[in-house]
Amino acid sequence: MAKTAQRRAVVAIGKSGLKCLVPAVLAASVLTACGDGTSSADAAVQGPGGNDPGGAKSCLTAAAEAADFYTPPASLPAGRPGDLIRCESVPTTVSLLASATRIMYRSTDVHGKPIAVTGIVLNPALPWTGSGERPLVGYTVGTHGQGDQCAPSRLLTDGVHFSPPLDIFAEYETPFMLDLLSQGMAVVITDYEGFGTPAVHTYLNPIAQAHADIDAVRAAQRLEGTGIPAQGPVAFAGYSQGGSAAGGTAEQVGSYAPELNVVGVYVGAPPVDIPGLFRYLDGTAFTGVMGYFLNGLATAFPETETLLAAGLNTAGQRLRAATANQCIVETLATYGYRQSNSFTASGQSIPEMLEEPALSGILSEFELGNRRPAVPVLLATGNLDEIVPPDGVRQLAADWCAQGATVELYNIPLSPIPLGTGLGHIVNAPLAHLKARGWLRDRFEGAVAPSNCR
């Protein structure tokens, strides 16, 4: 489904040093730093071999010449995955701890076609406190929505996005980014395919998300003036949708980017079985996220569009059209606690529709667990999680272990509380991060990765 051409109005809070505001539904992840800042990368910035094989134009110059940073050029410049297309220094809500460079870079979709993806590189102001070169973390965010205004590189510069009456959102993962930056780790965050740029975001497609994640790291290493080593140690980390992306990265990076010095991947609460995930969410506050997935599925696999058009009723088509331009808060408010069978022509649920052979065969092409991670993995889940089924995460650990991967499964020690609001998933996030921060640091320090595979 095409996104609306007209951008929504934005109320930007954060650049002036005002305290950040977050809707109550995101209170567990309040922004912890705001401020005004400028990047130290104001000199000419160009990735080696990046934009033009002749090096005639820097990514900074290309950004200055672009009418809109987020609109890709009509024809992508020649280059490799991870090469920079444009870049610009930007103030962000983390300016107290890092200078920031917004980037557009080459990546590939699930079929290997070159695409443009955006993201943001956070260059820490503090020195790396461990041994060796400064490490880089490819950080993938959880569910933000599908509208361009929800992309993390936009939110980190805007502070708070607000378009009345319901479209309000802020970068709730900022505290986790700040924690990494406070240790002197560089961080790069991808916006994912079609998120920020005019295309449609391929939500919960681990392969598409992995390509965007891996190529963001390549782009950060090719960005000059940051102090990020061109061949330094790399880790990847993400929770929820970010865990889906990180899981895809763990499976793909060995073949997609064998040149990277990857020490490990933290995979927090990754959705594994999509129909199973949606059965878990059906009728809860998060019913509407099914619209994100259906839109992304049709984008990555156009042959499914006819099947979806036949399977959805008028309300289902409206769900797709509306959610394509929403952040998660508006989706919760608009479609929360609806049963998904109210959106289908047959009266079956959307999870049941996705289990039909014509669609399930496509889903099986990109589900997690079919490929062995070539690097150590930390998986995290817990019984308190009301959004991502913990049994699916545990099965993913078993599948990876059976293939000979090095996997540590961390079960968050909290009992289930039947709230039906998703709060358990939110509460688990900082607890999983506390485990992951030590695990990542150990990987960067060269410690042998633990495994509790049986």
Protein backbone atom coordinates (compact mmCIF):
# COMPACT_ATOMS: atom_id res chain seq x y z
CA MET A 1 0.00 0.00 0.00
CA ALA A 2 1.45 3.39 -0.97
CA LYS A 3 2.19 5.87 1.76
CA THR A 4 0.50 9.25 1.64
CA ALA A 5 2.62 11.79 -0.19
CA GLN A 6 1.74 14.57 2.22
CA ARG A 7 3.95 14.55 5.34
CA ARG A 8 2.22 15.03 8.65
CA ALA A 9 2.94 18.05 10.80
CA VAL A 10 5.61 17.59 13.45
CA VAL A 11 6.03 19.21 16.81
CA ALA A 12 9.76 18.88 17.48
CA ILE A 13 10.80 19.00 21.12
CA GLY A 14 14.35 18.33 22.17
CA LYS A 15 16.58 20.43 19.95
CA SER A 16 16.16 23.45 22.23
CA GLY A 17 17.18 21.60 25.38
CA LEU A 18 13.63 21.26 26.74
CA LYS A 19 12.83 18.13 28.70
CA CYS A 20 11.55 15.36 26.46
CA LEU A 21 7.92 14.30 26.63
CA VAL A 22 6.63 10.78 26.06
CA PRO A 23 3.06 9.47 26.00
CA ALA A 24 2.04 7.55 29.08
CA VAL A 25 1.85 4.27 27.21
CA LEU A 26 5.63 4.54 26.72
CA ALA A 27 6.40 5.72 30.24
CA ALA A 28 8.53 2.69 31.01
CA SER A 29 11.00 3.87 28.40
CA VAL A 30 11.21 7.63 29.05
CA LEU A 31 13.86 9.57 27.19
CA THR A 32 16.66 10.37 29.57
CA ALA A 33 18.56 13.05 27.70
CA CYS A 34 17.78 16.01 25.53
CA GLY A 35 19.85 18.84 24.34
CA ASP A 36 21.40 20.83 21.62
CA GLY A 37 24.47 19.55 19.87
CA THR A 38 26.41 19.54 16.69
CA SER A 39 28.45 16.81 15.10
CA SER A 40 32.20 16.72 15.05
CA ALA A 41 31.90 15.24 11.58
CA ASP A 42 31.28 18.59 9.93
CA ALA A 43 34.35 18.18 7.77
CA ALA A 44 33.95 16.51 4.40
CA VAL A 45 32.66 13.03 5.11
CA GLN A 46 33.05 10.29 2.58
CA GLY A 47 33.10 6.55 2.87
CA PRO A 48 36.04 4.93 1.12
CA GLY A 49 34.87 3.80 -2.30
CA GLY A 50 31.42 4.97 -1.32
CA ASN A 51 29.34 7.15 -3.61
CA ASP A 52 31.21 7.67 -6.82
CA PRO A 53 33.96 5.23 -7.87
CA GLY A 54 35.96 8.30 -8.81
CA GLY A 55 35.35 9.94 -5.46
CA ALA A 56 34.07 13.09 -7.18
CA LYS A 57 31.34 13.83 -4.67
CA SER A 58 31.25 13.29 -0.90
CA CYS A 59 28.14 12.02 0.85
CA LEU A 60 27.99 15.40 2.64
CA THR A 61 27.91 17.26 -0.66
CA ALA A 62 25.27 14.86 -2.00
CA ALA A 63 23.07 15.59 1.01
CA ALA A 64 23.43 19.35 0.55
CA GLU A 65 22.31 19.01 -3.07
CA ALA A 66 19.27 16.82 -2.27
CA ALA A 67 15.86 18.49 -2.12
CA ASP A 68 14.83 16.06 0.64
CA PHE A 69 17.29 13.90 2.56
CA TYR A 70 14.93 10.91 2.73
CA THR A 71 14.03 10.76 -0.96
CA PRO A 72 16.52 8.46 -2.72
CA PRO A 73 18.06 9.55 -6.00
CA ALA A 74 16.18 8.42 -9.09
CA SER A 75 19.13 6.20 -9.94
CA LEU A 76 21.31 4.81 -7.17
CA PRO A 77 25.02 5.52 -7.62
CA ALA A 78 27.20 2.54 -8.40
CA GLY A 79 28.75 0.87 -5.41
CA ARG A 80 28.63 -1.92 -2.87
CA PRO A 81 26.15 -2.69 -0.10
CA GLY A 82 26.95 -0.29 2.74
CA ASP A 83 28.32 2.47 0.53
CA LEU A 84 27.19 5.95 1.52
CA ILE A 85 24.80 7.85 -0.71
CA ARG A 86 24.40 10.96 1.45
CA CYS A 87 25.15 12.07 5.00
CA GLU A 88 24.62 15.12 7.17
CA SER A 89 25.50 16.24 10.67
CA VAL A 90 22.40 16.56 12.88
CA PRO A 91 21.61 17.55 16.49
CA THR A 92 19.85 14.81 18.44
CA THR A 93 18.33 13.96 21.80
CA VAL A 94 21.60 12.14 22.68
CA SER A 95 23.89 15.08 21.86
CA LEU A 96 25.25 15.14 25.43
CA LEU A 97 26.95 11.79 24.81
CA ALA A 98 27.42 11.60 21.04
CA SER A 99 27.66 13.54 17.83
CA ALA A 100 25.35 12.25 15.12
CA THR A 101 25.43 11.81 11.38
CA ARG A 102 22.29 10.91 9.49
CA ILE A 103 23.07 8.59 6.58
CA MET A 104 21.55 7.15 3.45
CA TYR A 105 23.32 4.05 2.19
CA ARG A 106 23.06 1.21 -0.31
CA SER A 107 21.53 -2.06 0.80
CA THR A 108 19.66 -4.93 -0.84
CA ASP A 109 16.12 -6.20 -0.52
CA VAL A 110 15.16 -9.86 0.01
CA HIS A 111 15.68 -10.56 -3.68
CA GLY A 112 19.13 -8.96 -3.86
CA LYS A 113 17.94 -5.79 -5.59
CA PRO A 114 19.86 -2.61 -4.63
CA ILE A 115 17.86 -0.18 -2.50
CA ALA A 116 18.49 2.97 -0.48
CA VAL A 117 18.07 2.82 3.31
CA THR A 118 18.49 5.57 5.90
CA GLY A 119 19.80 5.49 9.47
CA ILE A 120 21.89 7.39 11.96
CA VAL A 121 25.44 7.00 13.29
CA LEU A 122 26.10 7.98 16.92
CA ASN A 123 29.76 8.74 17.55
CA PRO A 124 30.38 8.70 21.34
CA ALA A 125 32.01 11.63 23.08
CA LEU A 126 33.48 9.36 25.76
CA PRO A 127 36.42 7.03 25.18
CA TRP A 128 35.95 3.28 24.94
CA THR A 129 36.60 1.94 28.43
CA GLY A 130 37.55 -1.59 27.39
CA SER A 131 40.51 -3.10 25.62
CA GLY A 132 41.26 -2.85 21.93
CA GLU A 133 39.69 -0.58 19.35
CA ARG A 134 36.41 1.26 19.84
CA PRO A 135 33.59 -1.21 19.15
CA LEU A 136 30.52 -0.57 17.03
CA VAL A 137 27.01 -1.83 17.80
CA GLY A 138 24.41 -2.21 15.06
CA TYR A 139 21.28 -1.43 17.07
CA THR A 140 17.82 -2.33 15.78
CA VAL A 141 14.71 -0.81 17.35
CA GLY A 142 11.45 -2.44 18.37
CA THR A 143 8.08 -1.73 16.80
CA HIS A 144 7.68 1.96 16.00
CA GLY A 145 4.98 1.75 13.35
CA GLN A 146 5.05 2.03 9.58
CA GLY A 147 4.68 5.75 8.89
CA ASP A 148 7.85 7.57 7.83
CA GLN A 149 7.52 9.94 10.79
CA CYS A 150 8.24 7.02 13.17
CA ALA A 151 11.70 6.20 11.76
CA PRO A 152 14.38 6.30 14.50
CA SER A 153 16.68 8.69 12.61
CA ARG A 154 13.78 11.16 12.46
CA LEU A 155 12.74 10.69 16.09
CA LEU A 156 16.28 11.12 17.42
CA THR A 157 16.43 14.52 15.73
CA ASP A 158 12.81 15.62 16.30
CA GLY A 159 12.56 14.59 19.96
CA VAL A 160 8.78 14.10 19.96
CA HIS A 161 6.57 13.70 16.92
CA PHE A 162 2.98 14.90 17.30
CA SER A 163 0.25 15.24 14.70
CA PRO A 164 -3.19 15.71 16.28
CA PRO A 165 -5.19 14.00 17.47
CA LEU A 166 -3.56 10.58 18.01
CA ASP A 167 -0.22 10.51 16.23
CA ILE A 168 2.30 11.03 19.04
CA PHE A 169 5.59 9.21 19.41
CA ALA A 170 9.14 9.46 20.72
CA GLU A 171 12.25 7.28 20.52
CA TYR A 172 11.62 5.02 23.51
CA GLU A 173 14.85 3.07 22.98
CA THR A 174 16.99 6.12 23.76
CA PRO A 175 17.94 4.94 27.29
CA PHE A 176 19.46 1.74 25.88
CA MET A 177 21.39 3.68 23.25
CA LEU A 178 22.65 6.07 25.92
CA ASP A 179 23.89 3.18 28.02
CA LEU A 180 25.99 1.86 25.15
CA LEU A 181 27.31 5.34 24.35
CA SER A 182 28.23 5.92 28.00
CA GLN A 183 30.65 2.98 27.74
CA GLY A 184 32.29 4.49 24.67
CA MET A 185 30.64 2.14 22.20
CA ALA A 186 29.70 3.64 18.84
CA VAL A 187 26.13 2.93 17.74
CA VAL A 188 24.48 2.87 14.33
CA ILE A 189 20.71 2.52 13.98
CA THR A 190 19.07 1.54 10.72
CA ASP A 191 15.64 2.88 9.81
CA TYR A 192 14.99 -0.47 8.07
CA GLU A 193 13.88 -0.86 4.47
CA GLY A 194 11.14 1.55 3.47
CA PHE A 195 11.02 3.28 6.86
CA GLY A 196 11.74 6.97 6.52
CA THR A 197 12.15 6.61 2.76
CA PRO A 198 9.03 6.64 0.52
CA ALA A 199 8.88 2.84 0.12
CA VAL A 200 6.92 0.53 2.45
CA HIS A 201 8.60 -0.86 5.57
CA THR A 202 9.10 -4.66 5.42
CA TYR A 203 7.96 -5.23 9.00
CA LEU A 204 9.11 -8.45 10.73
CA ASN A 205 10.94 -9.79 7.68
CA PRO A 206 14.21 -10.97 9.27
CA ILE A 207 16.14 -11.11 5.99
CA ALA A 208 15.16 -7.62 4.86
CA GLN A 209 15.84 -6.23 8.32
CA ALA A 210 19.19 -8.03 8.52
CA HIS A 211 20.40 -6.57 5.24
CA ALA A 212 19.54 -3.06 6.39
CA ASP A 213 21.20 -3.69 9.78
CA ILE A 214 24.42 -5.16 8.39
CA ASP A 215 24.77 -2.51 5.71
CA ALA A 216 24.26 0.24 8.29
CA VAL A 217 27.34 -1.11 10.10
CA ARG A 218 29.30 -1.15 6.86
CA ALA A 219 28.22 2.45 6.19
CA ALA A 220 29.26 3.56 9.70
CA GLN A 221 32.68 1.99 9.23
CA ARG A 222 33.08 3.80 5.90
CA LEU A 223 32.07 7.17 7.32
CA GLU A 224 35.17 9.28 7.82
CA GLY A 225 35.69 11.71 10.68
CA THR A 226 34.00 9.56 13.33
CA GLY A 227 36.81 7.58 14.98
CA ILE A 228 34.97 4.34 14.24
CA PRO A 229 37.60 1.81 13.10
CA ALA A 230 37.10 0.68 9.52
CA GLN A 231 37.69 -2.96 10.49
CA GLY A 232 37.01 -2.82 14.22
CA PRO A 233 34.96 -5.16 16.39
CA VAL A 234 31.21 -5.26 15.74
CA ALA A 235 28.19 -6.58 17.61
CA PHE A 236 24.49 -6.41 16.87
CA ALA A 237 21.64 -5.93 19.34
CA GLY A 238 17.88 -5.59 19.29
CA TYR A 239 14.70 -6.36 21.23
CA SER A 240 11.20 -7.26 19.97
CA GLN A 241 11.06 -6.23 16.30
CA GLY A 242 14.70 -5.31 16.85
CA GLY A 243 15.21 -8.88 18.07
CA SER A 244 13.69 -10.19 14.84
CA ALA A 245 16.18 -8.03 12.94
CA ALA A 246 19.10 -9.09 15.15
CA GLY A 247 18.12 -12.74 14.77
CA GLY A 248 18.09 -12.35 11.01
CA THR A 249 21.47 -10.66 11.22
CA ALA A 250 22.89 -13.54 13.29
CA GLU A 251 21.79 -15.94 10.57
CA GLN A 252 22.81 -13.81 7.57
CA VAL A 253 25.99 -11.96 8.52
CA GLY A 254 28.38 -14.88 8.00
CA SER A 255 27.45 -15.16 4.31
CA TYR A 256 26.25 -11.61 3.61
CA ALA A 257 29.18 -9.77 5.19
CA PRO A 258 32.02 -12.21 5.93
CA GLU A 259 34.52 -9.34 6.11
CA LEU A 260 33.00 -7.90 9.29
CA ASN A 261 34.68 -8.66 12.63
CA VAL A 262 31.48 -9.71 14.42
CA VAL A 263 31.92 -10.84 18.03
CA GLY A 264 28.29 -11.64 18.83
CA VAL A 265 24.59 -10.81 18.52
CA TYR A 266 22.07 -10.05 21.27
CA VAL A 267 18.60 -11.21 20.17
CA GLY A 268 15.92 -10.02 22.59
CA ALA A 269 12.37 -11.44 22.46
CA PRO A 270 12.33 -12.06 18.70
CA PRO A 271 9.00 -12.91 17.03
CA VAL A 272 9.66 -16.26 15.38
CA ASP A 273 6.43 -17.87 14.13
CA ILE A 274 4.36 -15.03 12.61
CA PRO A 275 0.96 -16.79 12.62
CA GLY A 276 1.70 -17.91 16.19
CA LEU A 277 2.65 -14.36 17.13
CA PHE A 278 -0.60 -12.99 15.72
CA ARG A 279 -2.69 -15.64 17.46
CA TYR A 280 -1.00 -14.47 20.67
CA LEU A 281 -1.88 -10.83 19.87
CA ASP A 282 -5.35 -11.29 18.38
CA GLY A 283 -7.92 -9.29 20.31
CA THR A 284 -5.29 -7.49 22.40
CA ALA A 285 -4.11 -3.90 22.26
CA PHE A 286 -1.73 -4.91 19.44
CA THR A 287 -4.14 -6.34 16.85
CA GLY A 288 -3.36 -3.47 14.49
CA VAL A 289 0.29 -4.42 13.97
CA MET A 290 -0.97 -7.15 11.66
CA GLY A 291 -1.58 -4.35 9.16
CA TYR A 292 2.13 -3.48 9.23
CA PHE A 293 3.06 -7.05 8.44
CA LEU A 294 0.55 -7.45 5.61
CA ASN A 295 1.81 -4.25 3.99
CA GLY A 296 5.43 -5.37 4.27
CA LEU A 297 4.60 -8.85 2.98
CA ALA A 298 3.01 -7.41 -0.18
CA THR A 299 6.01 -5.13 -0.68
CA ALA A 300 8.61 -7.90 -0.41
CA PHE A 301 6.51 -10.45 -2.29
CA PRO A 302 4.21 -8.64 -4.77
CA GLU A 303 2.60 -11.93 -5.77
CA THR A 304 0.80 -11.94 -2.40
CA GLU A 305 -1.11 -8.74 -3.18
CA THR A 306 -3.85 -10.59 -5.07
CA LEU A 307 -4.19 -13.13 -2.26
CA LEU A 308 -4.44 -10.39 0.36
CA ALA A 309 -6.95 -8.41 -1.69
CA ALA A 310 -9.17 -11.49 -1.96
CA GLY A 311 -8.71 -12.48 1.68
CA LEU A 312 -9.44 -9.12 3.31
CA ASN A 313 -12.78 -7.35 3.44
CA THR A 314 -13.26 -3.60 3.16
CA ALA A 315 -12.32 -3.11 6.82
CA GLY A 316 -9.15 -5.14 6.25
CA GLN A 317 -8.16 -3.01 3.30
CA ARG A 318 -8.74 0.09 5.43
CA LEU A 319 -6.57 -1.44 8.16
CA ARG A 320 -3.70 -1.79 5.69
CA ALA A 321 -4.12 1.70 4.29
CA ALA A 322 -4.32 3.36 7.71
CA THR A 323 -1.51 1.50 9.43
CA ALA A 324 0.87 2.20 6.52
CA ASN A 325 1.03 5.79 7.78
CA GLN A 326 0.79 5.30 11.55
CA CYS A 327 3.13 5.12 14.52
CA ILE A 328 2.37 2.43 17.07
CA VAL A 329 0.55 4.70 19.56
CA GLU A 330 -2.03 5.68 16.95
CA THR A 331 -2.38 2.05 15.84
CA LEU A 332 -3.01 0.96 19.43
CA ALA A 333 -5.64 3.67 19.84
CA THR A 334 -7.33 2.95 16.51
CA TYR A 335 -7.29 -0.83 16.28
CA GLY A 336 -6.63 -2.10 19.79
CA TYR A 337 -8.74 -4.98 21.13
CA ARG A 338 -10.27 -5.76 17.74
CA GLN A 339 -10.60 -9.37 16.60
CA SER A 340 -8.72 -9.98 13.37
CA ASN A 341 -11.57 -12.02 11.86
CA SER A 342 -13.47 -8.74 11.51
CA PHE A 343 -10.97 -7.80 8.78
CA THR A 344 -11.25 -10.90 6.56
CA ALA A 345 -13.72 -11.78 3.82
CA SER A 346 -14.21 -15.34 5.03
CA GLY A 347 -14.47 -14.61 8.75
CA GLN A 348 -11.31 -16.58 9.49
CA SER A 349 -8.66 -14.84 11.56
CA ILE A 350 -5.64 -13.20 9.93
CA PRO A 351 -3.33 -15.84 11.52
CA GLU A 352 -5.48 -18.54 9.91
CA MET A 353 -5.32 -16.73 6.58
CA LEU A 354 -1.51 -16.62 6.80
CA GLU A 355 -1.45 -20.38 7.41
CA GLU A 356 -3.09 -21.08 4.03
CA PRO A 357 -0.53 -22.90 1.81
CA ALA A 358 -0.13 -20.05 -0.69
CA LEU A 359 1.00 -17.65 2.05
CA SER A 360 2.59 -20.03 4.56
CA GLY A 361 5.07 -21.21 1.93
CA ILE A 362 6.31 -17.65 1.48
CA LEU A 363 6.51 -17.03 5.22
CA SER A 364 8.61 -20.15 5.65
CA GLU A 365 11.22 -18.65 3.31
CA PHE A 366 12.24 -16.04 5.87
CA GLU A 367 11.30 -17.38 9.30
CA LEU A 368 14.04 -17.58 11.92
CA GLY A 369 15.58 -20.91 12.86
CA ASN A 370 16.37 -22.33 9.43
CA ARG A 371 19.97 -21.10 9.31
CA ARG A 372 22.80 -21.56 11.78
CA PRO A 373 24.26 -18.36 13.22
CA ALA A 374 27.98 -18.20 12.52
CA VAL A 375 28.60 -16.01 15.61
CA PRO A 376 27.74 -16.35 19.32
CA VAL A 377 24.18 -15.40 20.24
CA LEU A 378 22.46 -14.28 23.43
CA LEU A 379 18.71 -14.98 23.28
CA ALA A 380 16.37 -13.46 25.87
CA THR A 381 12.73 -14.16 26.75
CA GLY A 382 10.52 -14.52 29.80
CA ASN A 383 7.12 -15.81 30.92
CA LEU A 384 5.97 -12.26 31.67
CA ASP A 385 6.01 -11.41 27.95
CA GLU A 386 2.48 -10.71 26.68
CA ILE A 387 3.48 -9.69 23.17
CA VAL A 388 6.10 -12.16 21.89
CA PRO A 389 5.38 -15.82 22.78
CA PRO A 390 8.29 -17.05 24.95
CA ASP A 391 7.87 -20.65 23.77
CA GLY A 392 8.76 -19.56 20.24
CA VAL A 393 11.99 -17.96 21.45
CA ARG A 394 12.92 -21.08 23.39
CA GLN A 395 12.25 -23.22 20.33
CA LEU A 396 14.50 -20.89 18.31
CA ALA A 397 17.27 -21.49 20.84
CA ALA A 398 16.75 -25.25 20.50
CA ASP A 399 16.80 -25.04 16.71
CA TRP A 400 20.01 -23.01 16.65
CA CYS A 401 21.63 -25.29 19.21
CA ALA A 402 20.71 -28.35 17.13
CA GLN A 403 22.57 -26.78 14.21
CA GLY A 404 25.72 -26.37 16.29
CA ALA A 405 25.50 -22.64 17.07
CA THR A 406 26.86 -21.07 20.25
CA VAL A 407 23.71 -19.90 22.08
CA GLU A 408 23.01 -18.66 25.59
CA LEU A 409 19.28 -18.58 26.36
CA TYR A 410 18.43 -16.12 29.13
CA ASN A 411 15.03 -16.65 30.77
CA ILE A 412 13.99 -13.46 32.54
CA PRO A 413 12.96 -14.56 36.04
CA LEU A 414 9.53 -12.90 36.33
CA SER A 415 6.20 -14.72 36.65
CA PRO A 416 3.37 -14.10 34.18
CA ILE A 417 0.84 -11.42 35.07
CA PRO A 418 -2.30 -11.56 32.89
CA LEU A 419 -2.68 -7.84 32.25
CA GLY A 420 -3.43 -7.94 28.53
CA THR A 421 -1.72 -4.59 27.96
CA GLY A 422 1.74 -5.62 26.77
CA LEU A 423 3.33 -4.15 29.90
CA GLY A 424 5.13 -7.42 30.62
CA HIS A 425 6.99 -7.16 27.30
CA ILE A 426 8.02 -3.60 28.19
CA VAL A 427 9.16 -4.56 31.70
CA ASN A 428 11.27 -7.39 30.30
CA ALA A 429 13.18 -5.04 27.97
CA PRO A 430 15.41 -3.28 30.55
CA LEU A 431 16.01 -6.56 32.39
CA ALA A 432 17.15 -8.21 29.16
CA HIS A 433 19.34 -5.18 28.40
CA LEU A 434 21.06 -5.46 31.78
CA LYS A 435 22.04 -9.00 30.87
CA ALA A 436 22.98 -8.04 27.31
CA ARG A 437 25.22 -5.10 28.24
CA GLY A 438 27.56 -7.37 30.23
CA TRP A 439 27.39 -10.07 27.57
CA LEU A 440 28.28 -7.61 24.80
CA ARG A 441 31.14 -6.16 26.79
CA ASP A 442 32.54 -9.64 27.42
CA ARG A 443 32.44 -10.34 23.68
CA PHE A 444 34.30 -7.11 22.94
CA GLU A 445 36.86 -8.00 25.61
CA GLY A 446 37.51 -11.34 23.91
CA ALA A 447 36.01 -13.63 26.55
CA VAL A 448 34.81 -17.04 25.39
CA ALA A 449 31.06 -16.92 24.71
CA PRO A 450 29.02 -19.10 27.06
CA SER A 451 26.45 -21.61 25.78
CA ASN A 452 23.70 -23.47 27.59
CA CYS A 453 22.81 -25.69 24.65
CA ARG A 454 22.09 -29.24 25.77
